[in-house]
PDB file of all heavy atoms in Angstrom:
ATOM      1  N   HIS A   1      -7.038   7.798  -7.100  1.00  0.00           N
ATOM      2  CA  HIS A   1      -5.797   8.339  -7.635  1.00  0.00           C
ATOM      3  C   HIS A   1      -5.613   9.835  -7.335  1.00  0.00           C
ATOM      4  O   HIS A   1      -4.736  10.483  -7.890  1.00  0.00           O
ATOM      5  CB  HIS A   1      -5.724   8.090  -9.133  1.00  0.00           C
ATOM      6  CG  HIS A   1      -5.573   6.627  -9.449  1.00  0.00           C
ATOM      7  ND1 HIS A   1      -4.378   5.942  -9.247  1.00  0.00           N
ATOM      8  CD2 HIS A   1      -6.455   5.738  -9.927  1.00  0.00           C
ATOM      9  CE1 HIS A   1      -4.552   4.682  -9.594  1.00  0.00           C
ATOM     10  NE2 HIS A   1      -5.809   4.516  -9.997  1.00  0.00           N
ATOM     11  N   SER A   2      -6.434  10.396  -6.456  1.00  0.00           N
ATOM     12  CA  SER A   2      -6.390  11.829  -6.190  1.00  0.00           C
ATOM     13  C   SER A   2      -5.023  12.295  -5.680  1.00  0.00           C
ATOM     14  O   SER A   2      -4.553  13.378  -6.019  1.00  0.00           O
ATOM     15  CB  SER A   2      -7.481  12.261  -5.217  1.00  0.00           C
ATOM     16  OG  SER A   2      -7.351  11.570  -3.967  1.00  0.00           O
ATOM     17  N   ALA A   3      -4.359  11.482  -4.861  1.00  0.00           N
ATOM     18  CA  ALA A   3      -3.053  11.871  -4.304  1.00  0.00           C
ATOM     19  C   ALA A   3      -1.966  11.932  -5.398  1.00  0.00           C
ATOM     20  O   ALA A   3      -0.977  12.643  -5.211  1.00  0.00           O
ATOM     21  CB  ALA A   3      -2.652  10.909  -3.189  1.00  0.00           C
ATOM     22  N   GLU A   4      -2.160  11.211  -6.484  1.00  0.00           N
ATOM     23  CA  GLU A   4      -1.205  11.272  -7.603  1.00  0.00           C
ATOM     24  C   GLU A   4      -1.498  12.473  -8.484  1.00  0.00           C
ATOM     25  O   GLU A   4      -0.614  13.018  -9.126  1.00  0.00           O
ATOM     26  CB  GLU A   4      -1.338  10.006  -8.470  1.00  0.00           C
ATOM     27  CG  GLU A   4      -0.885   8.754  -7.778  1.00  0.00           C
ATOM     28  CD  GLU A   4      -1.189   7.540  -8.655  1.00  0.00           C
ATOM     29  OE1 GLU A   4      -0.695   7.536  -9.812  1.00  0.00           O
ATOM     30  OE2 GLU A   4      -1.915   6.659  -8.199  1.00  0.00           O
ATOM     31  N   GLU A   5      -2.765  12.859  -8.542  1.00  0.00           N
ATOM     32  CA  GLU A   5      -3.183  13.909  -9.457  1.00  0.00           C
ATOM     33  C   GLU A   5      -3.013  15.319  -8.939  1.00  0.00           C
ATOM     34  O   GLU A   5      -2.859  16.283  -9.703  1.00  0.00           O
ATOM     35  CB  GLU A   5      -4.681  13.701  -9.823  1.00  0.00           C
ATOM     36  CG  GLU A   5      -4.891  12.362 -10.564  1.00  0.00           C
ATOM     37  CD  GLU A   5      -6.336  11.927 -10.612  1.00  0.00           C
ATOM     38  OE1 GLU A   5      -7.178  12.592  -9.999  1.00  0.00           O
ATOM     39  OE2 GLU A   5      -6.594  10.888 -11.233  1.00  0.00           O
ATOM     40  N   LYS A   6      -3.023  15.487  -7.631  1.00  0.00           N
ATOM     41  CA  LYS A   6      -2.905  16.834  -7.050  1.00  0.00           C
ATOM     42  C   LYS A   6      -2.396  16.721  -5.610  1.00  0.00           C
ATOM     43  O   LYS A   6      -2.439  15.661  -4.990  1.00  0.00           O
ATOM     44  CB  LYS A   6      -4.252  17.541  -7.039  1.00  0.00           C
ATOM     45  CG  LYS A   6      -5.275  16.848  -6.158  1.00  0.00           C
ATOM     46  CD  LYS A   6      -6.627  17.526  -6.206  1.00  0.00           C
ATOM     47  CE  LYS A   6      -7.543  16.830  -5.216  1.00  0.00           C
ATOM     48  NZ  LYS A   6      -8.830  16.613  -5.577  1.00  0.00           N
ATOM     49  N   ARG A   7      -1.897  17.828  -5.113  1.00  0.00           N
ATOM     50  CA  ARG A   7      -1.447  17.893  -3.743  1.00  0.00           C
ATOM     51  C   ARG A   7      -2.678  17.924  -2.823  1.00  0.00           C
ATOM     52  O   ARG A   7      -3.598  18.713  -3.061  1.00  0.00           O
ATOM     53  CB  ARG A   7      -0.611  19.161  -3.492  1.00  0.00           C
ATOM     54  CG  ARG A   7      -0.072  19.255  -2.091  1.00  0.00           C
ATOM     55  CD  ARG A   7       0.686  20.565  -1.897  1.00  0.00           C
ATOM     56  NE  ARG A   7       1.161  20.694  -0.554  1.00  0.00           N
ATOM     57  CZ  ARG A   7       0.433  21.028   0.490  1.00  0.00           C
ATOM     58  NH1 ARG A   7      -0.876  21.278   0.361  1.00  0.00           N
ATOM     59  NH2 ARG A   7       0.945  21.103   1.707  1.00  0.00           N
ATOM     60  N   ILE A   8      -2.716  17.059  -1.855  1.00  0.00           N
ATOM     61  CA  ILE A   8      -3.838  17.029  -0.917  1.00  0.00           C
ATOM     62  C   ILE A   8      -3.381  17.601   0.413  1.00  0.00           C
ATOM     63  O   ILE A   8      -2.371  17.120   0.989  1.00  0.00           O
ATOM     64  CB  ILE A   8      -4.344  15.598  -0.732  1.00  0.00           C
ATOM     65  CG1 ILE A   8      -4.835  15.017  -2.061  1.00  0.00           C
ATOM     66  CG2 ILE A   8      -5.410  15.526   0.361  1.00  0.00           C
ATOM     67  CD1 ILE A   8      -5.287  13.581  -2.013  1.00  0.00           C
ATOM     68  N   ASP A   9      -4.060  18.623   0.870  1.00  0.00           N
ATOM     69  CA  ASP A   9      -3.708  19.232   2.140  1.00  0.00           C
ATOM     70  C   ASP A   9      -3.909  18.250   3.274  1.00  0.00           C
ATOM     71  O   ASP A   9      -4.737  17.347   3.201  1.00  0.00           O
ATOM     72  CB  ASP A   9      -4.566  20.455   2.408  1.00  0.00           C
ATOM     73  CG  ASP A   9      -4.240  21.628   1.459  1.00  0.00           C
ATOM     74  OD1 ASP A   9      -3.059  21.733   1.039  1.00  0.00           O
ATOM     75  OD2 ASP A   9      -5.154  22.403   1.144  1.00  0.00           O
ATOM     76  N   PRO A  10      -3.166  18.443   4.384  1.00  0.00           N
ATOM     77  CA  PRO A  10      -3.384  17.548   5.510  1.00  0.00           C
ATOM     78  C   PRO A  10      -4.770  17.772   6.118  1.00  0.00           C
ATOM     79  O   PRO A  10      -5.361  18.875   5.953  1.00  0.00           O
ATOM     80  CB  PRO A  10      -2.281  17.970   6.495  1.00  0.00           C
ATOM     81  CG  PRO A  10      -1.873  19.355   6.089  1.00  0.00           C
ATOM     82  CD  PRO A  10      -2.127  19.430   4.615  1.00  0.00           C
ATOM     83  N   THR A  11      -5.280  16.755   6.771  1.00  0.00           N
ATOM     84  CA  THR A  11      -6.571  16.924   7.446  1.00  0.00           C
ATOM     85  C   THR A  11      -6.392  17.952   8.563  1.00  0.00           C
ATOM     86  O   THR A  11      -5.262  18.316   8.932  1.00  0.00           O
ATOM     87  CB  THR A  11      -7.003  15.577   8.066  1.00  0.00           C
ATOM     88  OG1 THR A  11      -6.083  15.199   9.079  1.00  0.00           O
ATOM     89  CG2 THR A  11      -7.172  14.494   7.022  1.00  0.00           C
ATOM     90  N   VAL A  12      -7.471  18.433   9.093  1.00  0.00           N
ATOM     91  CA  VAL A  12      -7.437  19.475  10.115  1.00  0.00           C
ATOM     92  C   VAL A  12      -6.550  19.053  11.301  1.00  0.00           C
ATOM     93  O   VAL A  12      -5.706  19.807  11.770  1.00  0.00           O
ATOM     94  CB  VAL A  12      -8.857  19.819  10.587  1.00  0.00           C
ATOM     95  CG1 VAL A  12      -8.838  20.765  11.786  1.00  0.00           C
ATOM     96  CG2 VAL A  12      -9.650  20.456   9.438  1.00  0.00           C
ATOM     97  N   SER A  13      -6.735  17.817  11.790  1.00  0.00           N
ATOM     98  CA  SER A  13      -5.961  17.390  12.954  1.00  0.00           C
ATOM     99  C   SER A  13      -4.485  17.240  12.613  1.00  0.00           C
ATOM    100  O   SER A  13      -3.602  17.575  13.424  1.00  0.00           O
ATOM    101  CB  SER A  13      -6.525  16.075  13.522  1.00  0.00           C
ATOM    102  OG  SER A  13      -6.442  15.018  12.565  1.00  0.00           O
ATOM    103  N   VAL A  14      -4.146  16.722  11.438  1.00  0.00           N
ATOM    104  CA  VAL A  14      -2.748  16.574  11.042  1.00  0.00           C
ATOM    105  C   VAL A  14      -2.130  17.975  10.854  1.00  0.00           C
ATOM    106  O   VAL A  14      -0.958  18.177  11.229  1.00  0.00           O
ATOM    107  CB  VAL A  14      -2.584  15.699   9.805  1.00  0.00           C
ATOM    108  CG1 VAL A  14      -1.133  15.621   9.354  1.00  0.00           C
ATOM    109  CG2 VAL A  14      -3.120  14.262  10.082  1.00  0.00           C
ATOM    110  N   ALA A  15      -2.890  18.919  10.308  1.00  0.00           N
ATOM    111  CA  ALA A  15      -2.380  20.268  10.128  1.00  0.00           C
ATOM    112  C   ALA A  15      -2.067  20.901  11.482  1.00  0.00           C
ATOM    113  O   ALA A  15      -1.073  21.619  11.598  1.00  0.00           O
ATOM    114  CB  ALA A  15      -3.407  21.121   9.376  1.00  0.00           C
ATOM    115  N   LYS A  16      -2.866  20.609  12.493  1.00  0.00           N
ATOM    116  CA  LYS A  16      -2.572  21.123  13.856  1.00  0.00           C
ATOM    117  C   LYS A  16      -1.265  20.566  14.355  1.00  0.00           C
ATOM    118  O   LYS A  16      -0.463  21.297  14.928  1.00  0.00           O
ATOM    119  CB  LYS A  16      -3.726  20.793  14.817  1.00  0.00           C
ATOM    120  CG  LYS A  16      -4.940  21.635  14.619  1.00  0.00           C
ATOM    121  CD  LYS A  16      -6.016  21.246  15.664  1.00  0.00           C
ATOM    122  CE  LYS A  16      -7.299  21.978  15.345  1.00  0.00           C
ATOM    123  NZ  LYS A  16      -8.392  21.558  16.238  1.00  0.00           N
ATOM    124  N   PHE A  17      -1.047  19.258  14.196  1.00  0.00           N
ATOM    125  CA  PHE A  17       0.214  18.658  14.607  1.00  0.00           C
ATOM    126  C   PHE A  17       1.382  19.295  13.833  1.00  0.00           C
ATOM    127  O   PHE A  17       2.436  19.591  14.429  1.00  0.00           O
ATOM    128  CB  PHE A  17       0.239  17.154  14.368  1.00  0.00           C
ATOM    129  CG  PHE A  17      -0.620  16.356  15.309  1.00  0.00           C
ATOM    130  CD1 PHE A  17      -1.516  15.418  14.813  1.00  0.00           C
ATOM    131  CD2 PHE A  17      -0.551  16.544  16.679  1.00  0.00           C
ATOM    132  CE1 PHE A  17      -2.284  14.663  15.667  1.00  0.00           C
ATOM    133  CE2 PHE A  17      -1.333  15.818  17.541  1.00  0.00           C
ATOM    134  CZ  PHE A  17      -2.197  14.851  17.037  1.00  0.00           C
ATOM    135  N   ALA A  18       1.201  19.503  12.539  1.00  0.00           N
ATOM    136  CA  ALA A  18       2.262  20.111  11.726  1.00  0.00           C
ATOM    137  C   ALA A  18       2.612  21.513  12.233  1.00  0.00           C
ATOM    138  O   ALA A  18       3.816  21.851  12.355  1.00  0.00           O
ATOM    139  CB  ALA A  18       1.827  20.175  10.263  1.00  0.00           C
ATOM    140  N   ARG A  19       1.630  22.294  12.576  1.00  0.00           N
ATOM    141  CA  ARG A  19       1.872  23.628  13.105  1.00  0.00           C
ATOM    142  C   ARG A  19       2.580  23.556  14.482  1.00  0.00           C
ATOM    143  O   ARG A  19       3.535  24.273  14.742  1.00  0.00           O
ATOM    144  CB  ARG A  19       0.601  24.426  13.241  1.00  0.00           C
ATOM    145  CG  ARG A  19       0.090  24.999  11.914  1.00  0.00           C
ATOM    146  CD  ARG A  19      -1.019  25.969  12.072  1.00  0.00           C
ATOM    147  NE  ARG A  19      -2.183  25.456  12.763  1.00  0.00           N
ATOM    148  CZ  ARG A  19      -3.165  24.760  12.180  1.00  0.00           C
ATOM    149  NH1 ARG A  19      -3.073  24.514  10.887  1.00  0.00           N
ATOM    150  NH2 ARG A  19      -4.189  24.295  12.873  1.00  0.00           N
ATOM    151  N   ARG A  20       2.103  22.674  15.342  1.00  0.00           N
ATOM    152  CA  ARG A  20       2.666  22.527  16.664  1.00  0.00           C
ATOM    153  C   ARG A  20       4.134  22.124  16.606  1.00  0.00           C
ATOM    154  O   ARG A  20       4.957  22.571  17.425  1.00  0.00           O
ATOM    155  CB  ARG A  20       1.856  21.486  17.472  1.00  0.00           C
ATOM    156  CG  ARG A  20       2.225  21.411  18.930  1.00  0.00           C
ATOM    157  CD  ARG A  20       1.344  20.456  19.670  1.00  0.00           C
ATOM    158  NE  ARG A  20      -0.060  20.770  19.474  1.00  0.00           N
ATOM    159  CZ  ARG A  20      -1.060  19.846  19.501  1.00  0.00           C
ATOM    160  NH1 ARG A  20      -0.767  18.583  19.777  1.00  0.00           N
ATOM    161  NH2 ARG A  20      -2.287  20.196  19.291  1.00  0.00           N
ATOM    162  N   LEU A  21       4.497  21.289  15.667  1.00  0.00           N
ATOM    163  CA  LEU A  21       5.850  20.782  15.544  1.00  0.00           C
ATOM    164  C   LEU A  21       6.750  21.631  14.611  1.00  0.00           C
ATOM    165  O   LEU A  21       7.905  21.355  14.472  1.00  0.00           O
ATOM    166  CB  LEU A  21       5.832  19.350  15.026  1.00  0.00           C
ATOM    167  CG  LEU A  21       5.105  18.332  15.864  1.00  0.00           C
ATOM    168  CD1 LEU A  21       5.047  16.984  15.139  1.00  0.00           C
ATOM    169  CD2 LEU A  21       5.729  18.202  17.222  1.00  0.00           C
ATOM    170  N   ASN A  22       6.104  22.633  13.996  1.00  0.00           N
ATOM    171  CA  ASN A  22       6.810  23.404  12.978  1.00  0.00           C
ATOM    172  C   ASN A  22       7.367  22.463  11.900  1.00  0.00           C
ATOM    173  O   ASN A  22       8.536  22.561  11.493  1.00  0.00           O
ATOM    174  CB  ASN A  22       7.902  24.267  13.601  1.00  0.00           C
ATOM    175  CG  ASN A  22       8.348  25.367  12.651  1.00  0.00           C
ATOM    176  OD1 ASN A  22       7.598  25.787  11.765  1.00  0.00           O
ATOM    177  ND2 ASN A  22       9.593  25.796  12.817  1.00  0.00           N
ATOM    178  N   ALA A  23       6.543  21.513  11.470  1.00  0.00           N
ATOM    179  CA  ALA A  23       6.965  20.536  10.473  1.00  0.00           C
ATOM    180  C   ALA A  23       7.386  21.220   9.213  1.00  0.00           C
ATOM    181  O   ALA A  23       6.830  22.205   8.777  1.00  0.00           O
ATOM    182  CB  ALA A  23       5.802  19.570  10.190  1.00  0.00           C
ATOM    183  N   ARG A  24       8.422  20.645   8.601  1.00  0.00           N
ATOM    184  CA  ARG A  24       8.959  21.206   7.364  1.00  0.00           C
ATOM    185  C   ARG A  24       8.202  20.795   6.133  1.00  0.00           C
ATOM    186  O   ARG A  24       8.438  21.338   5.038  1.00  0.00           O
ATOM    187  CB  ARG A  24      10.421  20.796   7.224  1.00  0.00           C
ATOM    188  CG  ARG A  24      11.261  21.375   8.341  1.00  0.00           C
ATOM    189  CD  ARG A  24      12.699  21.130   8.111  1.00  0.00           C
ATOM    190  NE  ARG A  24      13.468  21.755   9.173  1.00  0.00           N
ATOM    191  CZ  ARG A  24      14.760  21.983   9.110  1.00  0.00           C
ATOM    192  NH1 ARG A  24      15.421  21.633   8.033  1.00  0.00           N
ATOM    193  NH2 ARG A  24      15.391  22.520  10.110  1.00  0.00           N
TER     194      ARG A  24
END
């Protein structure tokens, strides 16, 4: 239930995609 209890940061690889795409 961790995703319900707190915001979970993206994994390292997903965070790289987010930066590359300037994800909102």
